[in-house]
């Protein structure tokens, strides 16, 4: 698409030993519901 769209992103911190990671995922509004339908 060529039009701006709202994307909601959820992030969570994860730690493995001394290493820290930012894990996340996002979805454009309505995409998941449409896909599930």
ModelCIF file with pLDDT and N, C-alpha, C, O atoms, coordinates in Angstrom:
data_MODEL
#
_entry.id   MODEL 
#
_entity.id                         1 
_entity.type                       polymer 
_entity.pdbx_number_of_molecules   1 
#
_entity_poly.entity_id                      1 
_entity_poly.type                           'polypeptide(L)' 
_entity_poly.nstd_linkage                   no 
_entity_poly.nstd_monomer                   no 
_entity_poly.pdbx_seq_one_letter_code       
;(UNK)(UNK)(UNK)(UNK)(UNK)(UNK)(UNK)(UNK)(UNK)(UNK)(UNK)(UNK)(UNK)(UNK)(UNK)(UNK)
(UNK)(UNK)(UNK)(UNK)(UNK)(UNK)(UNK)(UNK)(UNK)(UNK)(UNK)(UNK)(UNK)(UNK)(UNK)(UNK)
(UNK)(UNK)(UNK)(UNK)(UNK)
;
_entity_poly.pdbx_seq_one_letter_code_can   XXXXXXXXXXXXXXXXXXXXXXXXXXXXXXXXXXXXX 
_entity_poly.pdbx_strand_id                 A 
#
loop_
_entity_poly_seq.entity_id 
_entity_poly_seq.num 
_entity_poly_seq.mon_id 
_entity_poly_seq.hetero 
1 1  UNK n 
1 2  UNK n 
1 3  UNK n 
1 4  UNK n 
1 5  UNK n 
1 6  UNK n 
1 7  UNK n 
1 8  UNK n 
1 9  UNK n 
1 10 UNK n 
1 11 UNK n 
1 12 UNK n 
1 13 UNK n 
1 14 UNK n 
1 15 UNK n 
1 16 UNK n 
1 17 UNK n 
1 18 UNK n 
1 19 UNK n 
1 20 UNK n 
1 21 UNK n 
1 22 UNK n 
1 23 UNK n 
1 24 UNK n 
1 25 UNK n 
1 26 UNK n 
1 27 UNK n 
1 28 UNK n 
1 29 UNK n 
1 30 UNK n 
1 31 UNK n 
1 32 UNK n 
1 33 UNK n 
1 34 UNK n 
1 35 UNK n 
1 36 UNK n 
1 37 UNK n 
#
_struct_asym.id          A 
_struct_asym.entity_id   1 
#
loop_
_ma_qa_metric.id 
_ma_qa_metric.mode 
_ma_qa_metric.name 
_ma_qa_metric.software_group_id 
_ma_qa_metric.type 
1 global pLDDT . pLDDT 
2 local  pLDDT . pLDDT 
#
_ma_qa_metric_global.metric_id      1 
_ma_qa_metric_global.metric_value   84.05 
_ma_qa_metric_global.model_id       1 
_ma_qa_metric_global.ordinal_id     1 
#
loop_
_ma_qa_metric_local.label_asym_id 
_ma_qa_metric_local.label_comp_id 
_ma_qa_metric_local.label_seq_id 
_ma_qa_metric_local.metric_id 
_ma_qa_metric_local.metric_value 
_ma_qa_metric_local.model_id 
_ma_qa_metric_local.ordinal_id 
A UNK 1  2 81.00 1 1  
A UNK 2  2 84.00 1 2  
A UNK 3  2 85.00 1 3  
A UNK 4  2 89.00 1 4  
A UNK 5  2 89.00 1 5  
A UNK 6  2 91.00 1 6  
A UNK 7  2 91.00 1 7  
A UNK 8  2 93.00 1 8  
A UNK 9  2 96.00 1 9  
A UNK 10 2 97.00 1 10 
A UNK 11 2 98.00 1 11 
A UNK 12 2 98.00 1 12 
A UNK 13 2 98.00 1 13 
A UNK 14 2 98.00 1 14 
A UNK 15 2 97.00 1 15 
A UNK 16 2 98.00 1 16 
A UNK 17 2 96.00 1 17 
A UNK 18 2 96.00 1 18 
A UNK 19 2 97.00 1 19 
A UNK 20 2 98.00 1 20 
A UNK 21 2 98.00 1 21 
A UNK 22 2 98.00 1 22 
A UNK 23 2 98.00 1 23 
A UNK 24 2 98.00 1 24 
A UNK 25 2 96.00 1 25 
A UNK 26 2 92.00 1 26 
A UNK 27 2 89.00 1 27 
A UNK 28 2 87.00 1 28 
A UNK 29 2 78.00 1 29 
A UNK 30 2 55.00 1 30 
A UNK 31 2 51.00 1 31 
A UNK 32 2 47.00 1 32 
A UNK 33 2 48.00 1 33 
A UNK 34 2 53.00 1 34 
A UNK 35 2 50.00 1 35 
A UNK 36 2 50.00 1 36 
A UNK 37 2 52.00 1 37 
#
loop_
_atom_site.group_PDB 
_atom_site.id 
_atom_site.type_symbol 
_atom_site.label_atom_id 
_atom_site.label_alt_id 
_atom_site.label_comp_id 
_atom_site.label_asym_id 
_atom_site.label_entity_id 
_atom_site.label_seq_id 
_atom_site.pdbx_PDB_ins_code 
_atom_site.Cartn_x 
_atom_site.Cartn_y 
_atom_site.Cartn_z 
_atom_site.occupancy 
_atom_site.B_iso_or_equiv 
_atom_site.pdbx_formal_charge 
_atom_site.auth_seq_id 
_atom_site.auth_comp_id 
_atom_site.auth_asym_id 
_atom_site.auth_atom_id 
_atom_site.pdbx_PDB_model_num 
ATOM 1   N N  . UNK A 1 1  ? 0.840   -1.195  0.000  1.00 81.00 ? 1  UNK A N  1 
ATOM 2   C CA . UNK A 1 1  ? 0.000   0.000   0.000  1.00 81.00 ? 1  UNK A CA 1 
ATOM 3   C C  . UNK A 1 1  ? 0.880   1.252   0.000  1.00 81.00 ? 1  UNK A C  1 
ATOM 4   O O  . UNK A 1 1  ? 2.028   1.222   0.442  1.00 81.00 ? 1  UNK A O  1 
ATOM 5   N N  . UNK A 1 2  ? 0.326   2.331   -0.496 1.00 84.00 ? 2  UNK A N  1 
ATOM 6   C CA . UNK A 1 2  ? 1.073   3.578   -0.560 1.00 84.00 ? 2  UNK A CA 1 
ATOM 7   C C  . UNK A 1 2  ? 0.586   4.622   0.437  1.00 84.00 ? 2  UNK A C  1 
ATOM 8   O O  . UNK A 1 2  ? 1.002   5.780   0.384  1.00 84.00 ? 2  UNK A O  1 
ATOM 9   N N  . UNK A 1 3  ? -0.286  4.217   1.336  1.00 85.00 ? 3  UNK A N  1 
ATOM 10  C CA . UNK A 1 3  ? -0.820  5.147   2.327  1.00 85.00 ? 3  UNK A CA 1 
ATOM 11  C C  . UNK A 1 3  ? -0.305  4.781   3.716  1.00 85.00 ? 3  UNK A C  1 
ATOM 12  O O  . UNK A 1 3  ? -0.151  3.597   4.014  1.00 85.00 ? 3  UNK A O  1 
ATOM 13  N N  . UNK A 1 4  ? -0.039  5.756   4.564  1.00 89.00 ? 4  UNK A N  1 
ATOM 14  C CA . UNK A 1 4  ? 0.435   5.485   5.926  1.00 89.00 ? 4  UNK A CA 1 
ATOM 15  C C  . UNK A 1 4  ? -0.598  4.661   6.697  1.00 89.00 ? 4  UNK A C  1 
ATOM 16  O O  . UNK A 1 4  ? -1.805  4.837   6.530  1.00 89.00 ? 4  UNK A O  1 
ATOM 17  N N  . UNK A 1 5  ? -0.106  3.774   7.530  1.00 89.00 ? 5  UNK A N  1 
ATOM 18  C CA . UNK A 1 5  ? -0.999  2.928   8.322  1.00 89.00 ? 5  UNK A CA 1 
ATOM 19  C C  . UNK A 1 5  ? -0.443  2.786   9.734  1.00 89.00 ? 5  UNK A C  1 
ATOM 20  O O  . UNK A 1 5  ? 0.769   2.769   9.946  1.00 89.00 ? 5  UNK A O  1 
ATOM 21  N N  . UNK A 1 6  ? -1.356  2.684   10.689 1.00 91.00 ? 6  UNK A N  1 
ATOM 22  C CA . UNK A 1 6  ? -0.961  2.510   12.084 1.00 91.00 ? 6  UNK A CA 1 
ATOM 23  C C  . UNK A 1 6  ? -0.514  1.069   12.321 1.00 91.00 ? 6  UNK A C  1 
ATOM 24  O O  . UNK A 1 6  ? -1.219  0.117   11.985 1.00 91.00 ? 6  UNK A O  1 
ATOM 25  N N  . UNK A 1 7  ? 0.668   0.936   12.903 1.00 91.00 ? 7  UNK A N  1 
ATOM 26  C CA . UNK A 1 7  ? 1.158   -0.385  13.271 1.00 91.00 ? 7  UNK A CA 1 
ATOM 27  C C  . UNK A 1 7  ? 1.417   -0.404  14.766 1.00 91.00 ? 7  UNK A C  1 
ATOM 28  O O  . UNK A 1 7  ? 2.155   0.434   15.285 1.00 91.00 ? 7  UNK A O  1 
ATOM 29  N N  . UNK A 1 8  ? 0.816   -1.349  15.453 1.00 93.00 ? 8  UNK A N  1 
ATOM 30  C CA . UNK A 1 8  ? 1.000   -1.493  16.891 1.00 93.00 ? 8  UNK A CA 1 
ATOM 31  C C  . UNK A 1 8  ? 2.052   -2.565  17.141 1.00 93.00 ? 8  UNK A C  1 
ATOM 32  O O  . UNK A 1 8  ? 1.955   -3.680  16.627 1.00 93.00 ? 8  UNK A O  1 
ATOM 33  N N  . UNK A 1 9  ? 3.047   -2.218  17.928 1.00 96.00 ? 9  UNK A N  1 
ATOM 34  C CA . UNK A 1 9  ? 4.174   -3.110  18.174 1.00 96.00 ? 9  UNK A CA 1 
ATOM 35  C C  . UNK A 1 9  ? 4.299   -3.407  19.659 1.00 96.00 ? 9  UNK A C  1 
ATOM 36  O O  . UNK A 1 9  ? 4.198   -2.510  20.497 1.00 96.00 ? 9  UNK A O  1 
ATOM 37  N N  . UNK A 1 10 ? 4.519   -4.674  19.973 1.00 97.00 ? 10 UNK A N  1 
ATOM 38  C CA . UNK A 1 10 ? 4.716   -5.095  21.359 1.00 97.00 ? 10 UNK A CA 1 
ATOM 39  C C  . UNK A 1 10 ? 6.142   -5.592  21.505 1.00 97.00 ? 10 UNK A C  1 
ATOM 40  O O  . UNK A 1 10 ? 6.593   -6.435  20.728 1.00 97.00 ? 10 UNK A O  1 
ATOM 41  N N  . UNK A 1 11 ? 6.860   -5.071  22.503 1.00 98.00 ? 11 UNK A N  1 
ATOM 42  C CA . UNK A 1 11 ? 8.248   -5.462  22.731 1.00 98.00 ? 11 UNK A CA 1 
ATOM 43  C C  . UNK A 1 11 ? 8.421   -5.982  24.155 1.00 98.00 ? 11 UNK A C  1 
ATOM 44  O O  . UNK A 1 11 ? 7.735   -5.553  25.082 1.00 98.00 ? 11 UNK A O  1 
ATOM 45  N N  . UNK A 1 12 ? 9.362   -6.923  24.301 1.00 98.00 ? 12 UNK A N  1 
ATOM 46  C CA . UNK A 1 12 ? 9.650   -7.495  25.621 1.00 98.00 ? 12 UNK A CA 1 
ATOM 47  C C  . UNK A 1 12 ? 11.162  -7.714  25.742 1.00 98.00 ? 12 UNK A C  1 
ATOM 48  O O  . UNK A 1 12 ? 11.828  -8.107  24.784 1.00 98.00 ? 12 UNK A O  1 
ATOM 49  N N  . UNK A 1 13 ? 11.674  -7.452  26.928 1.00 98.00 ? 13 UNK A N  1 
ATOM 50  C CA . UNK A 1 13 ? 13.100  -7.676  27.180 1.00 98.00 ? 13 UNK A CA 1 
ATOM 51  C C  . UNK A 1 13 ? 13.336  -9.134  27.539 1.00 98.00 ? 13 UNK A C  1 
ATOM 52  O O  . UNK A 1 13 ? 12.576  -9.722  28.310 1.00 98.00 ? 13 UNK A O  1 
ATOM 53  N N  . UNK A 1 14 ? 14.388  -9.715  26.981 1.00 98.00 ? 14 UNK A N  1 
ATOM 54  C CA . UNK A 1 14 ? 14.762  -11.090 27.290 1.00 98.00 ? 14 UNK A CA 1 
ATOM 55  C C  . UNK A 1 14 ? 16.249  -11.112 27.609 1.00 98.00 ? 14 UNK A C  1 
ATOM 56  O O  . UNK A 1 14 ? 17.041  -10.444 26.944 1.00 98.00 ? 14 UNK A O  1 
ATOM 57  N N  . UNK A 1 15 ? 16.626  -11.874 28.620 1.00 97.00 ? 15 UNK A N  1 
ATOM 58  C CA . UNK A 1 15 ? 18.032  -11.928 29.010 1.00 97.00 ? 15 UNK A CA 1 
ATOM 59  C C  . UNK A 1 15 ? 18.527  -13.358 29.041 1.00 97.00 ? 15 UNK A C  1 
ATOM 60  O O  . UNK A 1 15 ? 17.899  -14.239 29.629 1.00 97.00 ? 15 UNK A O  1 
ATOM 61  N N  . UNK A 1 16 ? 19.676  -13.576 28.392 1.00 98.00 ? 16 UNK A N  1 
ATOM 62  C CA . UNK A 1 16 ? 20.325  -14.879 28.367 1.00 98.00 ? 16 UNK A CA 1 
ATOM 63  C C  . UNK A 1 16 ? 21.742  -14.674 28.891 1.00 98.00 ? 16 UNK A C  1 
ATOM 64  O O  . UNK A 1 16 ? 22.604  -14.149 28.186 1.00 98.00 ? 16 UNK A O  1 
ATOM 65  N N  . UNK A 1 17 ? 21.973  -15.093 30.137 1.00 96.00 ? 17 UNK A N  1 
ATOM 66  C CA . UNK A 1 17 ? 23.269  -14.812 30.752 1.00 96.00 ? 17 UNK A CA 1 
ATOM 67  C C  . UNK A 1 17 ? 23.434  -13.310 30.908 1.00 96.00 ? 17 UNK A C  1 
ATOM 68  O O  . UNK A 1 17 ? 22.601  -12.643 31.520 1.00 96.00 ? 17 UNK A O  1 
ATOM 69  N N  . UNK A 1 18 ? 24.515  -12.786 30.350 1.00 96.00 ? 18 UNK A N  1 
ATOM 70  C CA . UNK A 1 18 ? 24.766  -11.354 30.403 1.00 96.00 ? 18 UNK A CA 1 
ATOM 71  C C  . UNK A 1 18 ? 24.233  -10.618 29.175 1.00 96.00 ? 18 UNK A C  1 
ATOM 72  O O  . UNK A 1 18 ? 24.302  -9.392  29.089 1.00 96.00 ? 18 UNK A O  1 
ATOM 73  N N  . UNK A 1 19 ? 23.707  -11.384 28.240 1.00 97.00 ? 19 UNK A N  1 
ATOM 74  C CA . UNK A 1 19 ? 23.226  -10.779 26.993 1.00 97.00 ? 19 UNK A CA 1 
ATOM 75  C C  . UNK A 1 19 ? 21.757  -10.383 27.115 1.00 97.00 ? 19 UNK A C  1 
ATOM 76  O O  . UNK A 1 19 ? 20.937  -11.143 27.630 1.00 97.00 ? 19 UNK A O  1 
ATOM 77  N N  . UNK A 1 20 ? 21.441  -9.182  26.633 1.00 98.00 ? 20 UNK A N  1 
ATOM 78  C CA . UNK A 1 20 ? 20.067  -8.675  26.680 1.00 98.00 ? 20 UNK A CA 1 
ATOM 79  C C  . UNK A 1 20 ? 19.559  -8.491  25.253 1.00 98.00 ? 20 UNK A C  1 
ATOM 80  O O  . UNK A 1 20 ? 20.277  -8.006  24.378 1.00 98.00 ? 20 UNK A O  1 
ATOM 81  N N  . UNK A 1 21 ? 18.319  -8.885  25.041 1.00 98.00 ? 21 UNK A N  1 
ATOM 82  C CA . UNK A 1 21 ? 17.706  -8.776  23.718 1.00 98.00 ? 21 UNK A CA 1 
ATOM 83  C C  . UNK A 1 21 ? 16.343  -8.097  23.845 1.00 98.00 ? 21 UNK A C  1 
ATOM 84  O O  . UNK A 1 21 ? 15.660  -8.216  24.862 1.00 98.00 ? 21 UNK A O  1 
ATOM 85  N N  . UNK A 1 22 ? 15.972  -7.392  22.795 1.00 98.00 ? 22 UNK A N  1 
ATOM 86  C CA . UNK A 1 22 ? 14.632  -6.810  22.708 1.00 98.00 ? 22 UNK A CA 1 
ATOM 87  C C  . UNK A 1 22 ? 13.870  -7.632  21.676 1.00 98.00 ? 22 UNK A C  1 
ATOM 88  O O  . UNK A 1 22 ? 14.207  -7.628  20.492 1.00 98.00 ? 22 UNK A O  1 
ATOM 89  N N  . UNK A 1 23 ? 12.842  -8.336  22.137 1.00 98.00 ? 23 UNK A N  1 
ATOM 90  C CA . UNK A 1 23 ? 12.049  -9.214  21.263 1.00 98.00 ? 23 UNK A CA 1 
ATOM 91  C C  . UNK A 1 23 ? 10.701  -8.544  21.021 1.00 98.00 ? 23 UNK A C  1 
ATOM 92  O O  . UNK A 1 23 ? 10.062  -8.073  21.962 1.00 98.00 ? 23 UNK A O  1 
ATOM 93  N N  . UNK A 1 24 ? 10.277  -8.500  19.785 1.00 98.00 ? 24 UNK A N  1 
ATOM 94  C CA . UNK A 1 24 ? 9.011   -7.817  19.509 1.00 98.00 ? 24 UNK A CA 1 
ATOM 95  C C  . UNK A 1 24 ? 8.297   -8.322  18.276 1.00 98.00 ? 24 UNK A C  1 
ATOM 96  O O  . UNK A 1 24 ? 8.830   -9.114  17.500 1.00 98.00 ? 24 UNK A O  1 
ATOM 97  N N  . UNK A 1 25 ? 7.091   -7.849  18.120 1.00 96.00 ? 25 UNK A N  1 
ATOM 98  C CA . UNK A 1 25 ? 6.286   -8.166  16.943 1.00 96.00 ? 25 UNK A CA 1 
ATOM 99  C C  . UNK A 1 25 ? 5.205   -7.102  16.828 1.00 96.00 ? 25 UNK A C  1 
ATOM 100 O O  . UNK A 1 25 ? 4.791   -6.514  17.827 1.00 96.00 ? 25 UNK A O  1 
ATOM 101 N N  . UNK A 1 26 ? 4.758   -6.861  15.618 1.00 92.00 ? 26 UNK A N  1 
ATOM 102 C CA . UNK A 1 26 ? 3.731   -5.836  15.437 1.00 92.00 ? 26 UNK A CA 1 
ATOM 103 C C  . UNK A 1 26 ? 2.711   -6.249  14.395 1.00 92.00 ? 26 UNK A C  1 
ATOM 104 O O  . UNK A 1 26 ? 2.902   -7.209  13.648 1.00 92.00 ? 26 UNK A O  1 
ATOM 105 N N  . UNK A 1 27 ? 1.630   -5.502  14.366 1.00 89.00 ? 27 UNK A N  1 
ATOM 106 C CA . UNK A 1 27 ? 0.575   -5.801  13.406 1.00 89.00 ? 27 UNK A CA 1 
ATOM 107 C C  . UNK A 1 27 ? -0.126  -4.516  12.999 1.00 89.00 ? 27 UNK A C  1 
ATOM 108 O O  . UNK A 1 27 ? -0.366  -3.632  13.822 1.00 89.00 ? 27 UNK A O  1 
ATOM 109 N N  . UNK A 1 28 ? -0.445  -4.431  11.736 1.00 87.00 ? 28 UNK A N  1 
ATOM 110 C CA . UNK A 1 28 ? -1.219  -3.296  11.257 1.00 87.00 ? 28 UNK A CA 1 
ATOM 111 C C  . UNK A 1 28 ? -2.657  -3.470  11.714 1.00 87.00 ? 28 UNK A C  1 
ATOM 112 O O  . UNK A 1 28 ? -3.183  -4.582  11.692 1.00 87.00 ? 28 UNK A O  1 
ATOM 113 N N  . UNK A 1 29 ? -3.281  -2.413  12.117 1.00 78.00 ? 29 UNK A N  1 
ATOM 114 C CA . UNK A 1 29 ? -4.628  -2.462  12.672 1.00 78.00 ? 29 UNK A CA 1 
ATOM 115 C C  . UNK A 1 29 ? -5.587  -3.229  11.767 1.00 78.00 ? 29 UNK A C  1 
ATOM 116 O O  . UNK A 1 29 ? -5.764  -2.892  10.597 1.00 78.00 ? 29 UNK A O  1 
ATOM 117 N N  . UNK A 1 30 ? -6.200  -4.267  12.332 1.00 55.00 ? 30 UNK A N  1 
ATOM 118 C CA . UNK A 1 30 ? -7.205  -5.036  11.600 1.00 55.00 ? 30 UNK A CA 1 
ATOM 119 C C  . UNK A 1 30 ? -6.656  -6.210  10.817 1.00 55.00 ? 30 UNK A C  1 
ATOM 120 O O  . UNK A 1 30 ? -7.428  -7.076  10.403 1.00 55.00 ? 30 UNK A O  1 
ATOM 121 N N  . UNK A 1 31 ? -5.340  -6.272  10.596 1.00 51.00 ? 31 UNK A N  1 
ATOM 122 C CA . UNK A 1 31 ? -4.782  -7.342  9.771  1.00 51.00 ? 31 UNK A CA 1 
ATOM 123 C C  . UNK A 1 31 ? -5.031  -8.724  10.338 1.00 51.00 ? 31 UNK A C  1 
ATOM 124 O O  . UNK A 1 31 ? -5.469  -9.627  9.625  1.00 51.00 ? 31 UNK A O  1 
ATOM 125 N N  . UNK A 1 32 ? -4.752  -8.890  11.620 1.00 47.00 ? 32 UNK A N  1 
ATOM 126 C CA . UNK A 1 32 ? -4.867  -10.212 12.221 1.00 47.00 ? 32 UNK A CA 1 
ATOM 127 C C  . UNK A 1 32 ? -6.305  -10.695 12.232 1.00 47.00 ? 32 UNK A C  1 
ATOM 128 O O  . UNK A 1 32 ? -6.576  -11.864 11.958 1.00 47.00 ? 32 UNK A O  1 
ATOM 129 N N  . UNK A 1 33 ? -7.239  -9.782  12.555 1.00 48.00 ? 33 UNK A N  1 
ATOM 130 C CA . UNK A 1 33 ? -8.644  -10.173 12.574 1.00 48.00 ? 33 UNK A CA 1 
ATOM 131 C C  . UNK A 1 33 ? -9.100  -10.610 11.183 1.00 48.00 ? 33 UNK A C  1 
ATOM 132 O O  . UNK A 1 33 ? -9.802  -11.610 11.035 1.00 48.00 ? 33 UNK A O  1 
ATOM 133 N N  . UNK A 1 34 ? -8.697  -9.854  10.179 1.00 53.00 ? 34 UNK A N  1 
ATOM 134 C CA . UNK A 1 34 ? -9.065  -10.207 8.808  1.00 53.00 ? 34 UNK A CA 1 
ATOM 135 C C  . UNK A 1 34 ? -8.454  -11.543 8.403  1.00 53.00 ? 34 UNK A C  1 
ATOM 136 O O  . UNK A 1 34 ? -9.104  -12.360 7.750  1.00 53.00 ? 34 UNK A O  1 
ATOM 137 N N  . UNK A 1 35 ? -7.206  -11.759 8.792  1.00 50.00 ? 35 UNK A N  1 
ATOM 138 C CA . UNK A 1 35 ? -6.550  -13.020 8.452  1.00 50.00 ? 35 UNK A CA 1 
ATOM 139 C C  . UNK A 1 35 ? -7.233  -14.192 9.141  1.00 50.00 ? 35 UNK A C  1 
ATOM 140 O O  . UNK A 1 35 ? -7.416  -15.250 8.538  1.00 50.00 ? 35 UNK A O  1 
ATOM 141 N N  . UNK A 1 36 ? -7.610  -14.006 10.397 1.00 50.00 ? 36 UNK A N  1 
ATOM 142 C CA . UNK A 1 36 ? -8.278  -15.082 11.130 1.00 50.00 ? 36 UNK A CA 1 
ATOM 143 C C  . UNK A 1 36 ? -9.659  -15.365 10.555 1.00 50.00 ? 36 UNK A C  1 
ATOM 144 O O  . UNK A 1 36 ? -10.085 -16.518 10.492 1.00 50.00 ? 36 UNK A O  1 
ATOM 145 N N  . UNK A 1 37 ? -10.363 -14.305 10.133 1.00 52.00 ? 37 UNK A N  1 
ATOM 146 C CA . UNK A 1 37 ? -11.678 -14.496 9.524  1.00 52.00 ? 37 UNK A CA 1 
ATOM 147 C C  . UNK A 1 37 ? -11.539 -15.307 8.235  1.00 52.00 ? 37 UNK A C  1 
ATOM 148 O O  . UNK A 1 37 ? -12.537 -15.579 7.567  1.00 52.00 ? 37 UNK A O  1 
#
